[in-house]
Amino acid sequence: MLGIRPALGGLVFDPCIPKGWPGFTTPRKFRCAAYVITERNTGGTGHSVSTLRVDCERIDGTLMLAFESGEHTVDVKIR
């Protein structure tokens, strides 16, 4: 439902939340790093990533490469 799943290279974002949800924020540990993930349902559809940013840097696609360590912020805008 939240659409955050591990993949070989990192985390894939493929949300499918209710249309009425404004979004959510969740902590997530993956491998040796910690992430604070915020998904915002800006388009009101509840699915499909329009923008993915990691530590304020835009990422093409829906795969975020894993970090070796540290805490990172992830901002996902849903169409």
PDB file of N, CA and C in Angstrom:
ATOM      1  N   MET A   1       0.816  -1.183   0.000  1.00  0.00           N
ATOM      2  CA  MET A   1       0.000   0.000   0.000  1.00  0.00           C
ATOM      3  C   MET A   1       0.872   1.263   0.000  1.00  0.00           C
ATOM      4  N   LEU A   2       1.860   1.333   0.908  1.00  0.00           N
ATOM      5  CA  LEU A   2       2.710   2.512   0.951  1.00  0.00           C
ATOM      6  C   LEU A   2       3.662   2.549  -0.241  1.00  0.00           C
ATOM      7  N   GLY A   3       3.906   1.399  -0.834  1.00  0.00           N
ATOM      8  CA  GLY A   3       4.684   1.338  -2.061  1.00  0.00           C
ATOM      9  C   GLY A   3       6.165   1.586  -1.901  1.00  0.00           C
ATOM     10  N   ILE A   4       6.735   1.165  -0.778  1.00  0.00           N
ATOM     11  CA  ILE A   4       8.175   1.291  -0.554  1.00  0.00           C
ATOM     12  C   ILE A   4       8.708  -0.127  -0.428  1.00  0.00           C
ATOM     13  N   ARG A   5       9.464  -0.581  -1.440  1.00  0.00           N
ATOM     14  CA  ARG A   5       9.942  -1.954  -1.379  1.00  0.00           C
ATOM     15  C   ARG A   5      11.415  -2.047  -1.748  1.00  0.00           C
ATOM     16  N   PRO A   6      12.102  -2.993  -1.128  1.00  0.00           N
ATOM     17  CA  PRO A   6      13.522  -3.163  -1.435  1.00  0.00           C
ATOM     18  C   PRO A   6      13.724  -3.772  -2.819  1.00  0.00           C
ATOM     19  N   ALA A   7      14.810  -3.380  -3.439  1.00  0.00           N
ATOM     20  CA  ALA A   7      15.227  -3.930  -4.724  1.00  0.00           C
ATOM     21  C   ALA A   7      16.733  -4.171  -4.644  1.00  0.00           C
ATOM     22  N   LEU A   8      17.291  -4.765  -5.652  1.00  0.00           N
ATOM     23  CA  LEU A   8      18.710  -5.098  -5.647  1.00  0.00           C
ATOM     24  C   LEU A   8      19.584  -3.865  -5.403  1.00  0.00           C
ATOM     25  N   GLY A   9      19.277  -2.758  -6.056  1.00  0.00           N
ATOM     26  CA  GLY A   9      20.126  -1.578  -5.935  1.00  0.00           C
ATOM     27  C   GLY A   9      19.722  -0.579  -4.872  1.00  0.00           C
ATOM     28  N   GLY A  10      18.502  -0.700  -4.347  1.00  0.00           N
ATOM     29  CA  GLY A  10      18.033   0.285  -3.376  1.00  0.00           C
ATOM     30  C   GLY A  10      16.572   0.096  -3.031  1.00  0.00           C
ATOM     31  N   LEU A  11      15.844   1.215  -2.954  1.00  0.00           N
ATOM     32  CA  LEU A  11      14.416   1.176  -2.656  1.00  0.00           C
ATOM     33  C   LEU A  11      13.629   1.664  -3.865  1.00  0.00           C
ATOM     34  N   VAL A  12      12.539   0.971  -4.158  1.00  0.00           N
ATOM     35  CA  VAL A  12      11.636   1.356  -5.249  1.00  0.00           C
ATOM     36  C   VAL A  12      10.389   1.964  -4.628  1.00  0.00           C
ATOM     37  N   PHE A  13       9.916   3.056  -5.226  1.00  0.00           N
ATOM     38  CA  PHE A  13       8.715   3.736  -4.761  1.00  0.00           C
ATOM     39  C   PHE A  13       7.611   3.558  -5.785  1.00  0.00           C
ATOM     40  N   ASP A  14       6.526   2.914  -5.350  1.00  0.00           N
ATOM     41  CA  ASP A  14       5.369   2.647  -6.206  1.00  0.00           C
ATOM     42  C   ASP A  14       4.115   2.700  -5.339  1.00  0.00           C
ATOM     43  N   PRO A  15       3.755   3.902  -4.841  1.00  0.00           N
ATOM     44  CA  PRO A  15       2.651   4.015  -3.892  1.00  0.00           C
ATOM     45  C   PRO A  15       1.283   3.746  -4.514  1.00  0.00           C
ATOM     46  N   CYS A  16       0.392   3.266  -3.685  1.00  0.00           N
ATOM     47  CA  CYS A  16      -1.006   3.077  -4.053  1.00  0.00           C
ATOM     48  C   CYS A  16      -1.815   3.316  -2.776  1.00  0.00           C
ATOM     49  N   ILE A  17      -1.999   4.590  -2.442  1.00  0.00           N
ATOM     50  CA  ILE A  17      -2.709   4.966  -1.221  1.00  0.00           C
ATOM     51  C   ILE A  17      -4.106   5.468  -1.588  1.00  0.00           C
ATOM     52  N   PRO A  18      -5.028   5.523  -0.636  1.00  0.00           N
ATOM     53  CA  PRO A  18      -6.362   6.048  -0.934  1.00  0.00           C
ATOM     54  C   PRO A  18      -6.297   7.481  -1.474  1.00  0.00           C
ATOM     55  N   LYS A  19      -7.166   7.795  -2.423  1.00  0.00           N
ATOM     56  CA  LYS A  19      -7.184   9.120  -3.049  1.00  0.00           C
ATOM     57  C   LYS A  19      -7.335  10.242  -2.036  1.00  0.00           C
ATOM     58  N   GLY A  20      -8.077   9.988  -0.965  1.00  0.00           N
ATOM     59  CA  GLY A  20      -8.337  11.015   0.041  1.00  0.00           C
ATOM     60  C   GLY A  20      -7.193  11.283   1.004  1.00  0.00           C
ATOM     61  N   TRP A  21      -6.187  10.422   1.020  1.00  0.00           N
ATOM     62  CA  TRP A  21      -5.051  10.638   1.916  1.00  0.00           C
ATOM     63  C   TRP A  21      -4.208  11.795   1.399  1.00  0.00           C
ATOM     64  N   PRO A  22      -3.842  12.738   2.269  1.00  0.00           N
ATOM     65  CA  PRO A  22      -2.952  13.810   1.819  1.00  0.00           C
ATOM     66  C   PRO A  22      -1.506  13.325   1.682  1.00  0.00           C
ATOM     67  N   GLY A  23      -1.195  12.215   2.331  1.00  0.00           N
ATOM     68  CA  GLY A  23       0.152  11.660   2.303  1.00  0.00           C
ATOM     69  C   GLY A  23       0.537  11.149   3.669  1.00  0.00           C
ATOM     70  N   PHE A  24       1.825  10.889   3.858  1.00  0.00           N
ATOM     71  CA  PHE A  24       2.308  10.363   5.132  1.00  0.00           C
ATOM     72  C   PHE A  24       3.811  10.538   5.223  1.00  0.00           C
ATOM     73  N   THR A  25       4.321  10.414   6.428  1.00  0.00           N
ATOM     74  CA  THR A  25       5.762  10.402   6.684  1.00  0.00           C
ATOM     75  C   THR A  25       6.071   9.168   7.515  1.00  0.00           C
ATOM     76  N   THR A  26       7.130   8.467   7.141  1.00  0.00           N
ATOM     77  CA  THR A  26       7.505   7.253   7.858  1.00  0.00           C
ATOM     78  C   THR A  26       9.026   7.103   7.905  1.00  0.00           C
ATOM     79  N   PRO A  27       9.547   6.633   9.027  1.00  0.00           N
ATOM     80  CA  PRO A  27      10.975   6.310   9.069  1.00  0.00           C
ATOM     81  C   PRO A  27      11.189   4.930   8.462  1.00  0.00           C
ATOM     82  N   ARG A  28      12.356   4.710   7.889  1.00  0.00           N
ATOM     83  CA  ARG A  28      12.657   3.398   7.310  1.00  0.00           C
ATOM     84  C   ARG A  28      14.154   3.160   7.383  1.00  0.00           C
ATOM     85  N   LYS A  29      14.536   2.018   7.909  1.00  0.00           N
ATOM     86  CA  LYS A  29      15.940   1.614   7.874  1.00  0.00           C
ATOM     87  C   LYS A  29      16.086   0.647   6.713  1.00  0.00           C
ATOM     88  N   PHE A  30      17.153   0.828   5.965  1.00  0.00           N
ATOM     89  CA  PHE A  30      17.426  -0.060   4.840  1.00  0.00           C
ATOM     90  C   PHE A  30      18.929  -0.225   4.739  1.00  0.00           C
ATOM     91  N   ARG A  31      19.351  -1.448   4.836  1.00  0.00           N
ATOM     92  CA  ARG A  31      20.766  -1.795   4.898  1.00  0.00           C
ATOM     93  C   ARG A  31      21.413  -1.019   6.040  1.00  0.00           C
ATOM     94  N   CYS A  32      22.398  -0.190   5.804  1.00  0.00           N
ATOM     95  CA  CYS A  32      23.104   0.489   6.896  1.00  0.00           C
ATOM     96  C   CYS A  32      22.726   1.959   7.035  1.00  0.00           C
ATOM     97  N   ALA A  33      21.665   2.388   6.391  1.00  0.00           N
ATOM     98  CA  ALA A  33      21.269   3.792   6.440  1.00  0.00           C
ATOM     99  C   ALA A  33      19.842   3.922   6.967  1.00  0.00           C
ATOM    100  N   ALA A  34      19.510   5.142   7.412  1.00  0.00           N
ATOM    101  CA  ALA A  34      18.164   5.458   7.897  1.00  0.00           C
ATOM    102  C   ALA A  34      17.561   6.514   6.975  1.00  0.00           C
ATOM    103  N   TYR A  35      16.267   6.394   6.743  1.00  0.00           N
ATOM    104  CA  TYR A  35      15.573   7.306   5.837  1.00  0.00           C
ATOM    105  C   TYR A  35      14.319   7.838   6.523  1.00  0.00           C
ATOM    106  N   VAL A  36      14.025   9.105   6.275  1.00  0.00           N
ATOM    107  CA  VAL A  36      12.747   9.681   6.666  1.00  0.00           C
ATOM    108  C   VAL A  36      12.034   9.951   5.337  1.00  0.00           C
ATOM    109  N   ILE A  37      10.982   9.193   5.095  1.00  0.00           N
ATOM    110  CA  ILE A  37      10.295   9.224   3.804  1.00  0.00           C
ATOM    111  C   ILE A  37       8.965   9.947   3.953  1.00  0.00           C
ATOM    112  N   THR A  38       8.757  10.966   3.103  1.00  0.00           N
ATOM    113  CA  THR A  38       7.496  11.675   3.059  1.00  0.00           C
ATOM    114  C   THR A  38       6.912  11.504   1.665  1.00  0.00           C
ATOM    115  N   GLU A  39       5.710  10.965   1.600  1.00  0.00           N
ATOM    116  CA  GLU A  39       4.991  10.854   0.333  1.00  0.00           C
ATOM    117  C   GLU A  39       3.805  11.800   0.404  1.00  0.00           C
ATOM    118  N   ARG A  40       3.698  12.687  -0.600  1.00  0.00           N
ATOM    119  CA  ARG A  40       2.613  13.664  -0.637  1.00  0.00           C
ATOM    120  C   ARG A  40       1.742  13.416  -1.855  1.00  0.00           C
ATOM    121  N   ASN A  41       0.460  13.258  -1.609  1.00  0.00           N
ATOM    122  CA  ASN A  41      -0.517  12.971  -2.656  1.00  0.00           C
ATOM    123  C   ASN A  41      -0.986  14.289  -3.285  1.00  0.00           C
ATOM    124  N   THR A  42      -0.074  14.967  -3.972  1.00  0.00           N
ATOM    125  CA  THR A  42      -0.357  16.302  -4.501  1.00  0.00           C
ATOM    126  C   THR A  42      -1.389  16.303  -5.622  1.00  0.00           C
ATOM    127  N   GLY A  43      -1.440  15.236  -6.392  1.00  0.00           N
ATOM    128  CA  GLY A  43      -2.386  15.168  -7.512  1.00  0.00           C
ATOM    129  C   GLY A  43      -3.712  14.547  -7.145  1.00  0.00           C
ATOM    130  N   GLY A  44      -3.779  13.931  -5.965  1.00  0.00           N
ATOM    131  CA  GLY A  44      -5.027  13.336  -5.511  1.00  0.00           C
ATOM    132  C   GLY A  44      -5.380  11.995  -6.127  1.00  0.00           C
ATOM    133  N   THR A  45      -4.459  11.386  -6.871  1.00  0.00           N
ATOM    134  CA  THR A  45      -4.754  10.086  -7.478  1.00  0.00           C
ATOM    135  C   THR A  45      -4.437   8.927  -6.543  1.00  0.00           C
ATOM    136  N   GLY A  46      -3.442   9.126  -5.669  1.00  0.00           N
ATOM    137  CA  GLY A  46      -3.043   8.077  -4.743  1.00  0.00           C
ATOM    138  C   GLY A  46      -2.019   7.107  -5.302  1.00  0.00           C
ATOM    139  N   HIS A  47      -1.645   7.287  -6.571  1.00  0.00           N
ATOM    140  CA  HIS A  47      -0.642   6.383  -7.158  1.00  0.00           C
ATOM    141  C   HIS A  47       0.191   7.111  -8.211  1.00  0.00           C
ATOM    142  N   SER A  48       1.283   6.547  -8.591  1.00  0.00           N
ATOM    143  CA  SER A  48       2.230   7.053  -9.590  1.00  0.00           C
ATOM    144  C   SER A  48       3.080   8.202  -9.060  1.00  0.00           C
ATOM    145  N   VAL A  49       4.364   7.985  -9.066  1.00  0.00           N
ATOM    146  CA  VAL A  49       5.321   8.981  -8.596  1.00  0.00           C
ATOM    147  C   VAL A  49       5.529  10.035  -9.679  1.00  0.00           C
ATOM    148  N   SER A  50       5.384  11.299  -9.308  1.00  0.00           N
ATOM    149  CA  SER A  50       5.680  12.370 -10.264  1.00  0.00           C
ATOM    150  C   SER A  50       7.078  12.924 -10.036  1.00  0.00           C
ATOM    151  N   THR A  51       7.505  13.011  -8.775  1.00  0.00           N
ATOM    152  CA  THR A  51       8.837  13.522  -8.447  1.00  0.00           C
ATOM    153  C   THR A  51       9.406  12.747  -7.263  1.00  0.00           C
ATOM    154  N   LEU A  52      10.682  12.396  -7.360  1.00  0.00           N
ATOM    155  CA  LEU A  52      11.392  11.733  -6.280  1.00  0.00           C
ATOM    156  C   LEU A  52      12.651  12.529  -5.985  1.00  0.00           C
ATOM    157  N   ARG A  53      12.799  12.972  -4.734  1.00  0.00           N
ATOM    158  CA  ARG A  53      13.983  13.717  -4.309  1.00  0.00           C
ATOM    159  C   ARG A  53      14.601  13.024  -3.096  1.00  0.00           C
ATOM    160  N   VAL A  54      15.917  12.910  -3.116  1.00  0.00           N
ATOM    161  CA  VAL A  54      16.658  12.338  -2.004  1.00  0.00           C
ATOM    162  C   VAL A  54      17.680  13.378  -1.562  1.00  0.00           C
ATOM    163  N   ASP A  55      17.582  13.782  -0.299  1.00  0.00           N
ATOM    164  CA  ASP A  55      18.448  14.839   0.221  1.00  0.00           C
ATOM    165  C   ASP A  55      18.420  16.063  -0.702  1.00  0.00           C
ATOM    166  N   CYS A  56      17.214  16.430  -1.126  1.00  0.00           N
ATOM    167  CA  CYS A  56      16.933  17.606  -1.981  1.00  0.00           C
ATOM    168  C   CYS A  56      17.419  17.458  -3.423  1.00  0.00           C
ATOM    169  N   GLU A  57      17.938  16.315  -3.808  1.00  0.00           N
ATOM    170  CA  GLU A  57      18.418  16.097  -5.171  1.00  0.00           C
ATOM    171  C   GLU A  57      17.401  15.247  -5.934  1.00  0.00           C
ATOM    172  N   ARG A  58      16.975  15.740  -7.087  1.00  0.00           N
ATOM    173  CA  ARG A  58      15.982  15.024  -7.884  1.00  0.00           C
ATOM    174  C   ARG A  58      16.572  13.745  -8.476  1.00  0.00           C
ATOM    175  N   ILE A  59      15.783  12.677  -8.394  1.00  0.00           N
ATOM    176  CA  ILE A  59      16.172  11.370  -8.923  1.00  0.00           C
ATOM    177  C   ILE A  59      15.248  11.034 -10.090  1.00  0.00           C
ATOM    178  N   ASP A  60      15.815  10.599 -11.211  1.00  0.00           N
ATOM    179  CA  ASP A  60      14.996  10.156 -12.335  1.00  0.00           C
ATOM    180  C   ASP A  60      14.475   8.754 -12.055  1.00  0.00           C
ATOM    181  N   GLY A  61      13.209   8.539 -12.327  1.00  0.00           N
ATOM    182  CA  GLY A  61      12.612   7.228 -12.129  1.00  0.00           C
ATOM    183  C   GLY A  61      12.088   7.036 -10.722  1.00  0.00           C
ATOM    184  N   THR A  62      11.931   5.776 -10.316  1.00  0.00           N
ATOM    185  CA  THR A  62      11.356   5.452  -9.011  1.00  0.00           C
ATOM    186  C   THR A  62      12.293   4.625  -8.129  1.00  0.00           C
ATOM    187  N   LEU A  63      13.533   4.429  -8.570  1.00  0.00           N
ATOM    188  CA  LEU A  63      14.517   3.675  -7.800  1.00  0.00           C
ATOM    189  C   LEU A  63      15.499   4.630  -7.133  1.00  0.00           C
ATOM    190  N   MET A  64      15.577   4.557  -5.806  1.00  0.00           N
ATOM    191  CA  MET A  64      16.543   5.323  -5.039  1.00  0.00           C
ATOM    192  C   MET A  64      17.683   4.378  -4.674  1.00  0.00           C
ATOM    193  N   LEU A  65      18.889   4.704  -5.083  1.00  0.00           N
ATOM    194  CA  LEU A  65      20.026   3.855  -4.757  1.00  0.00           C
ATOM    195  C   LEU A  65      20.297   3.894  -3.266  1.00  0.00           C
ATOM    196  N   ALA A  66      20.704   2.763  -2.714  1.00  0.00           N
ATOM    197  CA  ALA A  66      20.958   2.641  -1.275  1.00  0.00           C
ATOM    198  C   ALA A  66      22.228   3.388  -0.889  1.00  0.00           C
ATOM    199  N   PHE A  67      22.213   3.953   0.318  1.00  0.00           N
ATOM    200  CA  PHE A  67      23.381   4.625   0.875  1.00  0.00           C
ATOM    201  C   PHE A  67      24.106   3.662   1.810  1.00  0.00           C
ATOM    202  N   GLU A  68      25.392   3.902   1.993  1.00  0.00           N
ATOM    203  CA  GLU A  68      26.212   3.074   2.878  1.00  0.00           C
ATOM    204  C   GLU A  68      25.928   3.358   4.345  1.00  0.00           C
ATOM    205  N   SER A  69      25.576   4.612   4.668  1.00  0.00           N
ATOM    206  CA  SER A  69      25.346   4.995   6.056  1.00  0.00           C
ATOM    207  C   SER A  69      24.628   6.336   6.107  1.00  0.00           C
ATOM    208  N   GLY A  70      24.363   6.797   7.322  1.00  0.00           N
ATOM    209  CA  GLY A  70      23.790   8.121   7.527  1.00  0.00           C
ATOM    210  C   GLY A  70      22.274   8.133   7.541  1.00  0.00           C
ATOM    211  N   GLU A  71      21.728   9.348   7.734  1.00  0.00           N
ATOM    212  CA  GLU A  71      20.284   9.551   7.680  1.00  0.00           C
ATOM    213  C   GLU A  71      19.971  10.442   6.487  1.00  0.00           C
ATOM    214  N   HIS A  72      18.952  10.071   5.743  1.00  0.00           N
ATOM    215  CA  HIS A  72      18.626  10.753   4.499  1.00  0.00           C
ATOM    216  C   HIS A  72      17.134  11.058   4.447  1.00  0.00           C
ATOM    217  N   THR A  73      16.806  12.171   3.793  1.00  0.00           N
ATOM    218  CA  THR A  73      15.396  12.533   3.618  1.00  0.00           C
ATOM    219  C   THR A  73      14.982  12.202   2.192  1.00  0.00           C
ATOM    220  N   VAL A  74      13.783  11.632   2.094  1.00  0.00           N
ATOM    221  CA  VAL A  74      13.224  11.252   0.807  1.00  0.00           C
ATOM    222  C   VAL A  74      11.872  11.933   0.663  1.00  0.00           C
ATOM    223  N   ASP A  75      11.679  12.654  -0.424  1.00  0.00           N
ATOM    224  CA  ASP A  75      10.413  13.336  -0.675  1.00  0.00           C
ATOM    225  C   ASP A  75       9.836  12.783  -1.972  1.00  0.00           C
ATOM    226  N   VAL A  76       8.639  12.214  -1.868  1.00  0.00           N
ATOM    227  CA  VAL A  76       7.965  11.622  -3.017  1.00  0.00           C
ATOM    228  C   VAL A  76       6.673  12.389  -3.256  1.00  0.00           C
ATOM    229  N   LYS A  77       6.501  12.900  -4.469  1.00  0.00           N
ATOM    230  CA  LYS A  77       5.235  13.522  -4.846  1.00  0.00           C
ATOM    231  C   LYS A  77       4.470  12.519  -5.708  1.00  0.00           C
ATOM    232  N   ILE A  78       3.221  12.319  -5.335  1.00  0.00           N
ATOM    233  CA  ILE A  78       2.358  11.393  -6.067  1.00  0.00           C
ATOM    234  C   ILE A  78       1.477  12.215  -7.008  1.00  0.00           C
ATOM    235  N   ARG A  79       1.313  11.750  -8.235  1.00  0.00           N
ATOM    236  CA  ARG A  79       0.503  12.473  -9.238  1.00  0.00           C
ATOM    237  C   ARG A  79      -0.903  12.673  -8.776  1.00  0.00           C
TER     238      ARG A  79
END
